Amino acid sequence: MRHVSILCTLVVLLPLGGGAIQAPNPQLGAGKEQLPILVQGAMPVETAQLAKRLQGVATDTVGGWTFWRGTIDGYPVIVSKTMKGVANAAAATAIAIERYHPSAIINQGTAGGHDPELHVRDIVLGAYAVSLGGFKTAYRARGQGSNPVDWAPMDLLASEGSASLDPAARTMRRFQADRELLAAAESVRAQYGKGKVVTGVIGSSDTWNSEIDRIEHLRREYHTSVEEMETAAAAQVAGLFQVPFLGIRGVSNNITNAGAYDAGAGEACQEYVNLVVKAYIAAARRGPL
């Protein structure tokens, strides 16, 4: 999805690799229990083509969330329609981990550009995901207005007390991609012919930013390449369960360079993600991750 996301009370956030609960994560080789790879997208335009590529599909519905179970290259893969936004992405991720115990999670879909060098249908591999929804405003008296540029980041994971009062919490939390997943994604760059593939930072919140000055501020302060509504939330929940995670986003529009919206960016991103899944499976079968 194209937006940026505000943190929700539904989401319990921990950095990747953190947390006390660990999901099993064996190798993907034939001699091991084959735990599925989970591929997430928020909307049909971000999931339909991937679901069609699965062999032997079965469908599960849990509440409002849909999971298509099948195989790619003989390995179990689940495509998850998370629905839009932080709360939905977090809930869908937790449900999937509890029900299916995935060996890895890829959250993918479309996004709006923050980097003027990115064009529609370019792909961003998220070396990091950041939540752009946790901020503390400075005090302003009635009649003094609001200035979002003055808002300070607030790391909800830095303190068990008041995040607004703890100086240690005045930073932006970054969620790092799994090394093996990122390597698989980078290994198939040359196979993508609809744009360039870059490694960058995905920003998430339940906000759709159309103010150029704010977008430039977010990019300057937090190095965002694109904005959308799900990746950071899914990364945070994956971190709680210590499940390897990667975000991948296709640029569907870019207000910073007048890049008009292209609905085909979602399908293009799914094509690339299919290559990534195949590469990850093949690399894992060749040897230990």
C-alpha atoms as a PDB file:
ATOM      1  CA  MET A   1       0.000   0.000   0.000  1.00  0.00           C
ATOM      2  CA  ARG A   2       1.102   3.531  -0.718  1.00  0.00           C
ATOM      3  CA  HIS A   3       0.877   5.534   2.595  1.00  0.00           C
ATOM      4  CA  VAL A   4       2.886   5.987   5.783  1.00  0.00           C
ATOM      5  CA  SER A   5       1.633   4.670   9.149  1.00  0.00           C
ATOM      6  CA  ILE A   6       0.796   5.906  12.705  1.00  0.00           C
ATOM      7  CA  LEU A   7       1.536   3.393  15.476  1.00  0.00           C
ATOM      8  CA  CYS A   8      -1.511   1.709  16.915  1.00  0.00           C
ATOM      9  CA  THR A   9      -2.209   0.517  20.417  1.00  0.00           C
ATOM     10  CA  LEU A  10      -2.944  -2.907  18.948  1.00  0.00           C
ATOM     11  CA  VAL A  11       0.700  -3.441  17.998  1.00  0.00           C
ATOM     12  CA  VAL A  12       3.243  -4.711  20.498  1.00  0.00           C
ATOM     13  CA  LEU A  13       6.564  -3.658  19.073  1.00  0.00           C
ATOM     14  CA  LEU A  14       9.999  -5.165  19.409  1.00  0.00           C
ATOM     15  CA  PRO A  15      13.084  -4.799  17.208  1.00  0.00           C
ATOM     16  CA  LEU A  16      14.009  -7.566  14.822  1.00  0.00           C
ATOM     17  CA  GLY A  17      15.866 -10.258  16.667  1.00  0.00           C
ATOM     18  CA  GLY A  18      14.366  -9.186  20.002  1.00  0.00           C
ATOM     19  CA  GLY A  19      11.737 -10.713  22.223  1.00  0.00           C
ATOM     20  CA  ALA A  20      11.322 -13.753  24.400  1.00  0.00           C
ATOM     21  CA  ILE A  21       9.185 -15.919  22.101  1.00  0.00           C
ATOM     22  CA  GLN A  22      10.957 -17.675  19.253  1.00  0.00           C
ATOM     23  CA  ALA A  23       9.275 -19.389  16.332  1.00  0.00           C
ATOM     24  CA  PRO A  24      11.132 -22.425  14.949  1.00  0.00           C
ATOM     25  CA  ASN A  25      13.225 -21.568  11.903  1.00  0.00           C
ATOM     26  CA  PRO A  26      14.805 -24.683  10.387  1.00  0.00           C
ATOM     27  CA  GLN A  27      16.650 -24.810   7.104  1.00  0.00           C
ATOM     28  CA  LEU A  28      14.493 -25.165   4.033  1.00  0.00           C
ATOM     29  CA  GLY A  29      16.249 -28.329   2.832  1.00  0.00           C
ATOM     30  CA  ALA A  30      14.245 -31.423   1.924  1.00  0.00           C
ATOM     31  CA  GLY A  31      15.419 -33.275   5.012  1.00  0.00           C
ATOM     32  CA  LYS A  32      13.970 -30.692   7.380  1.00  0.00           C
ATOM     33  CA  GLU A  33      10.437 -29.921   8.483  1.00  0.00           C
ATOM     34  CA  GLN A  34       9.289 -27.462   5.867  1.00  0.00           C
ATOM     35  CA  LEU A  35       7.870 -24.429   7.597  1.00  0.00           C
ATOM     36  CA  PRO A  36       6.276 -22.039   5.084  1.00  0.00           C
ATOM     37  CA  ILE A  37       7.478 -18.727   3.761  1.00  0.00           C
ATOM     38  CA  LEU A  38       4.828 -16.061   4.416  1.00  0.00           C
ATOM     39  CA  VAL A  39       4.364 -13.347   1.778  1.00  0.00           C
ATOM     40  CA  GLN A  40       2.114 -10.452   2.788  1.00  0.00           C
ATOM     41  CA  GLY A  41       0.246  -7.775   0.849  1.00  0.00           C
ATOM     42  CA  ALA A  42      -2.487  -5.409   1.965  1.00  0.00           C
ATOM     43  CA  MET A  43      -4.861  -5.433  -1.013  1.00  0.00           C
ATOM     44  CA  PRO A  44      -5.877  -7.666  -3.937  1.00  0.00           C
ATOM     45  CA  VAL A  45      -3.694  -5.566  -6.261  1.00  0.00           C
ATOM     46  CA  GLU A  46      -0.754  -6.625  -4.039  1.00  0.00           C
ATOM     47  CA  THR A  47      -1.648 -10.307  -3.537  1.00  0.00           C
ATOM     48  CA  ALA A  48      -3.746 -11.691  -6.411  1.00  0.00           C
ATOM     49  CA  GLN A  49      -0.883 -12.474  -8.791  1.00  0.00           C
ATOM     50  CA  LEU A  50       1.201 -14.157  -6.100  1.00  0.00           C
ATOM     51  CA  ALA A  51      -1.757 -16.276  -4.973  1.00  0.00           C
ATOM     52  CA  LYS A  52      -2.311 -17.384  -8.578  1.00  0.00           C
ATOM     53  CA  ARG A  53       1.285 -18.625  -8.758  1.00  0.00           C
ATOM     54  CA  LEU A  54       0.791 -21.067  -5.883  1.00  0.00           C
ATOM     55  CA  GLN A  55       0.358 -24.755  -6.642  1.00  0.00           C
ATOM     56  CA  GLY A  56      -2.242 -26.829  -4.763  1.00  0.00           C
ATOM     57  CA  VAL A  57      -3.944 -23.821  -3.193  1.00  0.00           C
ATOM     58  CA  ALA A  58      -6.122 -23.995  -0.073  1.00  0.00           C
ATOM     59  CA  THR A  59      -7.675 -20.870   1.442  1.00  0.00           C
ATOM     60  CA  ASP A  60      -8.102 -19.997   5.112  1.00  0.00           C
ATOM     61  CA  THR A  61     -10.133 -17.066   6.416  1.00  0.00           C
ATOM     62  CA  VAL A  62      -9.507 -15.812   9.944  1.00  0.00           C
ATOM     63  CA  GLY A  63     -11.700 -12.872  10.868  1.00  0.00           C
ATOM     64  CA  GLY A  64     -11.194 -10.403   8.036  1.00  0.00           C
ATOM     65  CA  TRP A  65      -7.806 -11.825   6.991  1.00  0.00           C
ATOM     66  CA  THR A  66      -7.253 -14.245   4.112  1.00  0.00           C
ATOM     67  CA  PHE A  67      -4.415 -16.775   3.737  1.00  0.00           C
ATOM     68  CA  TRP A  68      -3.742 -18.770   0.580  1.00  0.00           C
ATOM     69  CA  ARG A  69      -1.630 -21.888   1.267  1.00  0.00           C
ATOM     70  CA  GLY A  70       0.243 -23.638  -1.527  1.00  0.00           C
ATOM     71  CA  THR A  71       3.712 -24.302  -2.879  1.00  0.00           C
ATOM     72  CA  ILE A  72       6.322 -22.620  -5.081  1.00  0.00           C
ATOM     73  CA  ASP A  73       9.042 -24.882  -6.477  1.00  0.00           C
ATOM     74  CA  GLY A  74       7.738 -27.609  -4.197  1.00  0.00           C
ATOM     75  CA  TYR A  75       8.177 -25.544  -1.045  1.00  0.00           C
ATOM     76  CA  PRO A  76       5.242 -24.331   1.108  1.00  0.00           C
ATOM     77  CA  VAL A  77       4.400 -20.658   0.683  1.00  0.00           C
ATOM     78  CA  ILE A  78       1.500 -18.716   2.188  1.00  0.00           C
ATOM     79  CA  VAL A  79       0.180 -15.510   0.651  1.00  0.00           C
ATOM     80  CA  SER A  80      -1.536 -13.308   3.233  1.00  0.00           C
ATOM     81  CA  LYS A  81      -3.911 -10.427   2.528  1.00  0.00           C
ATOM     82  CA  THR A  82      -3.358  -8.298   5.613  1.00  0.00           C
ATOM     83  CA  MET A  83      -5.716  -5.440   4.723  1.00  0.00           C
ATOM     84  CA  LYS A  84      -4.542  -1.832   4.995  1.00  0.00           C
ATOM     85  CA  GLY A  85      -2.801  -0.114   7.864  1.00  0.00           C
ATOM     86  CA  VAL A  86      -0.702  -0.702  10.940  1.00  0.00           C
ATOM     87  CA  ALA A  87      -3.316  -2.485  13.051  1.00  0.00           C
ATOM     88  CA  ASN A  88      -4.339  -4.893  10.315  1.00  0.00           C
ATOM     89  CA  ALA A  89      -0.755  -5.682   9.324  1.00  0.00           C
ATOM     90  CA  ALA A  90       0.263  -6.348  12.923  1.00  0.00           C
ATOM     91  CA  ALA A  91      -2.749  -8.556  13.615  1.00  0.00           C
ATOM     92  CA  ALA A  92      -2.355 -10.526  10.377  1.00  0.00           C
ATOM     93  CA  THR A  93       1.321 -11.111  11.160  1.00  0.00           C
ATOM     94  CA  ALA A  94       0.628 -12.353  14.682  1.00  0.00           C
ATOM     95  CA  ILE A  95      -2.164 -14.637  13.466  1.00  0.00           C
ATOM     96  CA  ALA A  96       0.046 -16.109  10.742  1.00  0.00           C
ATOM     97  CA  ILE A  97       2.949 -16.749  13.103  1.00  0.00           C
ATOM     98  CA  GLU A  98       0.712 -18.455  15.666  1.00  0.00           C
ATOM     99  CA  ARG A  99      -1.128 -20.586  13.092  1.00  0.00           C
ATOM    100  CA  TYR A 100       1.532 -21.392  10.508  1.00  0.00           C
ATOM    101  CA  HIS A 101       4.947 -20.873  12.182  1.00  0.00           C
ATOM    102  CA  PRO A 102       6.586 -19.365   9.074  1.00  0.00           C
ATOM    103  CA  SER A 103      10.317 -19.732   8.516  1.00  0.00           C
ATOM    104  CA  ALA A 104      10.464 -16.234   6.979  1.00  0.00           C
ATOM    105  CA  ILE A 105       8.171 -13.282   6.250  1.00  0.00           C
ATOM    106  CA  ILE A 106       8.214 -10.935   3.266  1.00  0.00           C
ATOM    107  CA  ASN A 107       5.914  -7.927   3.453  1.00  0.00           C
ATOM    108  CA  GLN A 108       5.483  -6.424  -0.004  1.00  0.00           C
ATOM    109  CA  GLY A 109       3.266  -4.194  -2.086  1.00  0.00           C
ATOM    110  CA  THR A 110       3.143  -0.631  -3.382  1.00  0.00           C
ATOM    111  CA  ALA A 111       4.393   2.613  -1.888  1.00  0.00           C
ATOM    112  CA  GLY A 112       4.680   6.327  -2.562  1.00  0.00           C
ATOM    113  CA  GLY A 113       8.118   7.716  -3.303  1.00  0.00           C
ATOM    114  CA  HIS A 114      10.075   9.988  -0.976  1.00  0.00           C
ATOM    115  CA  ASP A 115      13.274   9.867  -3.025  1.00  0.00           C
ATOM    116  CA  PRO A 116      13.110  12.023  -6.189  1.00  0.00           C
ATOM    117  CA  GLU A 117      15.488   9.585  -7.875  1.00  0.00           C
ATOM    118  CA  LEU A 118      12.883   6.816  -7.672  1.00  0.00           C
ATOM    119  CA  HIS A 119      10.359   6.394 -10.458  1.00  0.00           C
ATOM    120  CA  VAL A 120       7.135   4.467 -10.844  1.00  0.00           C
ATOM    121  CA  ARG A 121       7.730   0.692 -10.921  1.00  0.00           C
ATOM    122  CA  ASP A 122      11.159   0.967  -9.309  1.00  0.00           C
ATOM    123  CA  ILE A 123      11.615  -1.503  -6.450  1.00  0.00           C
ATOM    124  CA  VAL A 124      12.856  -0.684  -2.925  1.00  0.00           C
ATOM    125  CA  LEU A 125      14.347  -3.463  -0.800  1.00  0.00           C
ATOM    126  CA  GLY A 126      13.979  -2.416   2.807  1.00  0.00           C
ATOM    127  CA  ALA A 127      17.336  -2.704   4.520  1.00  0.00           C
ATOM    128  CA  TYR A 128      15.421  -1.010   7.331  1.00  0.00           C
ATOM    129  CA  ALA A 129      11.812  -0.223   8.098  1.00  0.00           C
ATOM    130  CA  VAL A 130      10.892   2.718  10.311  1.00  0.00           C
ATOM    131  CA  SER A 131       7.613   3.651  11.937  1.00  0.00           C
ATOM    132  CA  LEU A 132       6.712   7.221  11.084  1.00  0.00           C
ATOM    133  CA  GLY A 133       3.820   7.393  13.516  1.00  0.00           C
ATOM    134  CA  GLY A 134       5.474   7.717  16.934  1.00  0.00           C
ATOM    135  CA  PHE A 135       6.065  11.384  17.734  1.00  0.00           C
ATOM    136  CA  LYS A 136       5.910  13.726  20.720  1.00  0.00           C
ATOM    137  CA  THR A 137       4.819  17.295  20.123  1.00  0.00           C
ATOM    138  CA  ALA A 138       6.341  20.212  21.976  1.00  0.00           C
ATOM    139  CA  TYR A 139       4.008  22.257  24.160  1.00  0.00           C
ATOM    140  CA  ARG A 140       2.201  25.062  22.352  1.00  0.00           C
ATOM    141  CA  ALA A 141      -0.410  27.239  24.010  1.00  0.00           C
ATOM    142  CA  ARG A 142      -3.875  27.738  22.575  1.00  0.00           C
ATOM    143  CA  GLY A 143      -3.708  29.804  19.436  1.00  0.00           C
ATOM    144  CA  GLN A 144      -0.062  28.950  18.686  1.00  0.00           C
ATOM    145  CA  GLY A 145      -0.949  26.362  16.042  1.00  0.00           C
ATOM    146  CA  SER A 146       0.928  23.209  15.123  1.00  0.00           C
ATOM    147  CA  ASN A 147       4.207  22.548  13.341  1.00  0.00           C
ATOM    148  CA  PRO A 148       4.864  18.858  12.525  1.00  0.00           C
ATOM    149  CA  VAL A 149       8.478  19.620  11.606  1.00  0.00           C
ATOM    150  CA  ASP A 150       9.084  20.304  15.302  1.00  0.00           C
ATOM    151  CA  TRP A 151       7.717  16.935  16.404  1.00  0.00           C
ATOM    152  CA  ALA A 152      10.275  14.679  18.086  1.00  0.00           C
ATOM    153  CA  PRO A 153      10.423  10.930  17.390  1.00  0.00           C
ATOM    154  CA  MET A 154       9.244   8.706  20.209  1.00  0.00           C
ATOM    155  CA  ASP A 155      10.540   5.138  20.522  1.00  0.00           C
ATOM    156  CA  LEU A 156       7.806   3.175  22.271  1.00  0.00           C
ATOM    157  CA  LEU A 157      10.223   0.302  22.920  1.00  0.00           C
ATOM    158  CA  ALA A 158      12.911   2.277  24.717  1.00  0.00           C
ATOM    159  CA  SER A 159      11.260   2.551  28.112  1.00  0.00           C
ATOM    160  CA  GLU A 160       8.805   0.665  30.289  1.00  0.00           C
ATOM    161  CA  GLY A 161       7.775   3.986  31.761  1.00  0.00           C
ATOM    162  CA  SER A 162       6.420   7.051  30.006  1.00  0.00           C
ATOM    163  CA  ALA A 163       7.879   7.208  26.495  1.00  0.00           C
ATOM    164  CA  SER A 164       7.102  10.925  26.392  1.00  0.00           C
ATOM    165  CA  LEU A 165       9.179  11.646  29.514  1.00  0.00           C
ATOM    166  CA  ASP A 166      12.135   9.291  29.051  1.00  0.00           C
ATOM    167  CA  PRO A 167      14.990  11.023  27.152  1.00  0.00           C
ATOM    168  CA  ALA A 168      16.182   7.597  25.962  1.00  0.00           C
ATOM    169  CA  ALA A 169      12.947   7.242  23.989  1.00  0.00           C
ATOM    170  CA  ARG A 170      13.514  10.302  21.787  1.00  0.00           C
ATOM    171  CA  THR A 171      14.779   8.314  18.804  1.00  0.00           C
ATOM    172  CA  MET A 172      13.269   6.669  15.743  1.00  0.00           C
ATOM    173  CA  ARG A 173      13.199   2.874  15.980  1.00  0.00           C
ATOM    174  CA  ARG A 174      14.667   1.080  12.944  1.00  0.00           C
ATOM    175  CA  PHE A 175      13.874  -2.532  12.102  1.00  0.00           C
ATOM    176  CA  GLN A 176      16.672  -4.225  10.206  1.00  0.00           C
ATOM    177  CA  ALA A 177      16.038  -6.722   7.410  1.00  0.00           C
ATOM    178  CA  ASP A 178      17.144 -10.318   7.728  1.00  0.00           C
ATOM    179  CA  ARG A 179      20.516 -10.744   6.050  1.00  0.00           C
ATOM    180  CA  GLU A 180      19.682 -13.894   4.081  1.00  0.00           C
ATOM    181  CA  LEU A 181      16.352 -12.585   2.834  1.00  0.00           C
ATOM    182  CA  LEU A 182      17.945  -9.315   1.737  1.00  0.00           C
ATOM    183  CA  ALA A 183      20.752 -11.202  -0.015  1.00  0.00           C
ATOM    184  CA  ALA A 184      18.212 -13.305  -1.924  1.00  0.00           C
ATOM    185  CA  ALA A 185      16.329 -10.155  -2.936  1.00  0.00           C
ATOM    186  CA  GLU A 186      19.498  -8.442  -4.112  1.00  0.00           C
ATOM    187  CA  SER A 187      20.621 -11.516  -6.065  1.00  0.00           C
ATOM    188  CA  VAL A 188      17.783 -11.208  -8.599  1.00  0.00           C
ATOM    189  CA  ARG A 189      18.095  -7.477  -9.357  1.00  0.00           C
ATOM    190  CA  ALA A 190      19.268  -8.118 -12.911  1.00  0.00           C
ATOM    191  CA  GLN A 191      16.143 -10.158 -13.683  1.00  0.00           C
ATOM    192  CA  TYR A 192      13.836  -7.164 -13.167  1.00  0.00           C
ATOM    193  CA  GLY A 193      13.249  -5.191 -16.330  1.00  0.00           C
ATOM    194  CA  LYS A 194      10.538  -2.700 -15.371  1.00  0.00           C
ATOM    195  CA  GLY A 195      12.669  -0.276 -13.387  1.00  0.00           C
ATOM    196  CA  LYS A 196      15.655  -0.183 -11.086  1.00  0.00           C
ATOM    197  CA  VAL A 197      15.997  -2.061  -7.804  1.00  0.00           C
ATOM    198  CA  VAL A 198      17.550  -0.191  -4.865  1.00  0.00           C
ATOM    199  CA  THR A 199      18.204  -0.944  -1.239  1.00  0.00           C
ATOM    200  CA  GLY A 200      16.693   1.711   1.028  1.00  0.00           C
ATOM    201  CA  VAL A 201      14.425   2.546   3.948  1.00  0.00           C
ATOM    202  CA  ILE A 202      10.674   1.915   4.059  1.00  0.00           C
ATOM    203  CA  GLY A 203       8.643   4.278   6.244  1.00  0.00           C
ATOM    204  CA  SER A 204       5.247   3.182   7.590  1.00  0.00           C
ATOM    205  CA  SER A 205       2.301   4.875   9.281  1.00  0.00           C
ATOM    206  CA  ASP A 206      -1.437   5.391   8.892  1.00  0.00           C
ATOM    207  CA  THR A 207      -0.797   8.762   7.252  1.00  0.00           C
ATOM    208  CA  TRP A 208      -0.846   9.648   3.560  1.00  0.00           C
ATOM    209  CA  ASN A 209       1.649  12.474   3.133  1.00  0.00           C
ATOM    210  CA  SER A 210       1.143  14.903   0.253  1.00  0.00           C
ATOM    211  CA  GLU A 211       3.056  17.882   1.708  1.00  0.00           C
ATOM    212  CA  ILE A 212       6.372  18.111  -0.116  1.00  0.00           C
ATOM    213  CA  ASP A 213       8.080  19.911   2.762  1.00  0.00           C
ATOM    214  CA  ARG A 214       7.039  17.193   5.215  1.00  0.00           C
ATOM    215  CA  ILE A 215       8.145  14.427   2.868  1.00  0.00           C
ATOM    216  CA  GLU A 216      11.521  16.119   2.486  1.00  0.00           C
ATOM    217  CA  HIS A 217      11.751  16.475   6.264  1.00  0.00           C
ATOM    218  CA  LEU A 218      11.033  12.760   6.791  1.00  0.00           C
ATOM    219  CA  ARG A 219      13.587  11.794   4.170  1.00  0.00           C
ATOM    220  CA  ARG A 220      16.198  14.131   5.617  1.00  0.00           C
ATOM    221  CA  GLU A 221      15.673  13.014   9.221  1.00  0.00           C
ATOM    222  CA  TYR A 222      14.910   9.295   8.761  1.00  0.00           C
ATOM    223  CA  HIS A 223      16.338   8.569   5.277  1.00  0.00           C
ATOM    224  CA  THR A 224      13.063   7.200   3.918  1.00  0.00           C
ATOM    225  CA  SER A 225      12.956   6.028   0.322  1.00  0.00           C
ATOM    226  CA  VAL A 226       9.198   5.367   0.237  1.00  0.00           C
ATOM    227  CA  GLU A 227       6.147   5.544   2.499  1.00  0.00           C
ATOM    228  CA  GLU A 228       3.295   3.097   3.013  1.00  0.00           C
ATOM    229  CA  MET A 229       1.141   1.650   5.808  1.00  0.00           C
ATOM    230  CA  GLU A 230       2.227  -1.846   6.816  1.00  0.00           C
ATOM    231  CA  THR A 231       5.905  -2.836   6.667  1.00  0.00           C
ATOM    232  CA  ALA A 232       7.185  -1.498   9.983  1.00  0.00           C
ATOM    233  CA  ALA A 233       4.230  -2.920  11.916  1.00  0.00           C
ATOM    234  CA  ALA A 234       4.742  -6.382  10.424  1.00  0.00           C
ATOM    235  CA  ALA A 235       8.487  -6.118  11.078  1.00  0.00           C
ATOM    236  CA  GLN A 236       7.893  -5.252  14.715  1.00  0.00           C
ATOM    237  CA  VAL A 237       5.657  -8.274  15.306  1.00  0.00           C
ATOM    238  CA  ALA A 238       8.031 -10.551  13.391  1.00  0.00           C
ATOM    239  CA  GLY A 239      10.763  -9.283  15.698  1.00  0.00           C
ATOM    240  CA  LEU A 240       8.772 -10.291  18.762  1.00  0.00           C
ATOM    241  CA  PHE A 241       8.708 -13.869  17.480  1.00  0.00           C
ATOM    242  CA  GLN A 242      12.238 -13.734  16.024  1.00  0.00           C
ATOM    243  CA  VAL A 243      11.071 -14.613  12.528  1.00  0.00           C
ATOM    244  CA  PRO A 244      13.342 -13.430   9.665  1.00  0.00           C
ATOM    245  CA  PHE A 245      11.732 -10.485   7.890  1.00  0.00           C
ATOM    246  CA  LEU A 246      12.126  -8.352   4.782  1.00  0.00           C
ATOM    247  CA  GLY A 247      10.054  -5.522   3.313  1.00  0.00           C
ATOM    248  CA  ILE A 248       9.877  -5.006  -0.464  1.00  0.00           C
ATOM    249  CA  ARG A 249       7.964  -2.141  -2.080  1.00  0.00           C
ATOM    250  CA  GLY A 250       7.214  -1.140  -5.644  1.00  0.00           C
ATOM    251  CA  VAL A 251       6.874   2.586  -6.303  1.00  0.00           C
ATOM    252  CA  SER A 252       3.297   3.224  -7.460  1.00  0.00           C
ATOM    253  CA  ASN A 253       3.593   7.037  -7.499  1.00  0.00           C
ATOM    254  CA  ASN A 254       6.056   9.709  -6.485  1.00  0.00           C
ATOM    255  CA  ILE A 255       4.784  13.172  -5.662  1.00  0.00           C
ATOM    256  CA  THR A 256       8.349  14.490  -5.359  1.00  0.00           C
ATOM    257  CA  ASN A 257       8.955  14.130  -9.114  1.00  0.00           C
ATOM    258  CA  ALA A 258       5.382  14.155 -10.493  1.00  0.00           C
ATOM    259  CA  GLY A 259       5.352  10.384 -10.943  1.00  0.00           C
ATOM    260  CA  ALA A 260       1.657   9.619 -11.577  1.00  0.00           C
ATOM    261  CA  TYR A 261      -0.036   6.650  -9.945  1.00  0.00           C
ATOM    262  CA  ASP A 262       0.323   3.362 -11.838  1.00  0.00           C
ATOM    263  CA  ALA A 263      -1.884   0.464 -10.721  1.00  0.00           C
ATOM    264  CA  GLY A 264       0.458  -1.921 -12.536  1.00  0.00           C
ATOM    265  CA  ALA A 265       3.183  -1.298  -9.964  1.00  0.00           C
ATOM    266  CA  GLY A 266       1.533  -3.809  -7.626  1.00  0.00           C
ATOM    267  CA  GLU A 267       1.709  -6.598 -10.176  1.00  0.00           C
ATOM    268  CA  ALA A 268       5.285  -5.662 -11.085  1.00  0.00           C
ATOM    269  CA  CYS A 269       6.304  -5.877  -7.434  1.00  0.00           C
ATOM    270  CA  GLN A 270       4.661  -9.298  -7.097  1.00  0.00           C
ATOM    271  CA  GLU A 271       6.622 -10.535 -10.111  1.00  0.00           C
ATOM    272  CA  TYR A 272       9.832  -9.430  -8.419  1.00  0.00           C
ATOM    273  CA  VAL A 273       8.848 -10.960  -5.085  1.00  0.00           C
ATOM    274  CA  ASN A 274       8.172 -14.265  -6.819  1.00  0.00           C
ATOM    275  CA  LEU A 275      11.787 -14.192  -8.040  1.00  0.00           C
ATOM    276  CA  VAL A 276      12.967 -13.411  -4.500  1.00  0.00           C
ATOM    277  CA  VAL A 277      11.026 -16.316  -2.996  1.00  0.00           C
ATOM    278  CA  LYS A 278      12.466 -18.717  -5.574  1.00  0.00           C
ATOM    279  CA  ALA A 279      15.998 -17.428  -4.947  1.00  0.00           C
ATOM    280  CA  TYR A 280      15.597 -17.730  -1.172  1.00  0.00           C
ATOM    281  CA  ILE A 281      14.343 -21.307  -1.446  1.00  0.00           C
ATOM    282  CA  ALA A 282      17.162 -22.269  -3.822  1.00  0.00           C
ATOM    283  CA  ALA A 283      19.858 -20.682  -1.638  1.00  0.00           C
ATOM    284  CA  ALA A 284      18.535 -22.356   1.489  1.00  0.00           C
ATOM    285  CA  ARG A 285      18.458 -25.753  -0.179  1.00  0.00           C
ATOM    286  CA  ARG A 286      22.116 -25.388  -1.205  1.00  0.00           C
ATOM    287  CA  GLY A 287      23.298 -25.088   2.364  1.00  0.00           C
ATOM    288  CA  PRO A 288      22.808 -23.664   5.872  1.00  0.00           C
ATOM    289  CA  LEU A 289      21.351 -20.171   6.057  1.00  0.00           C
END
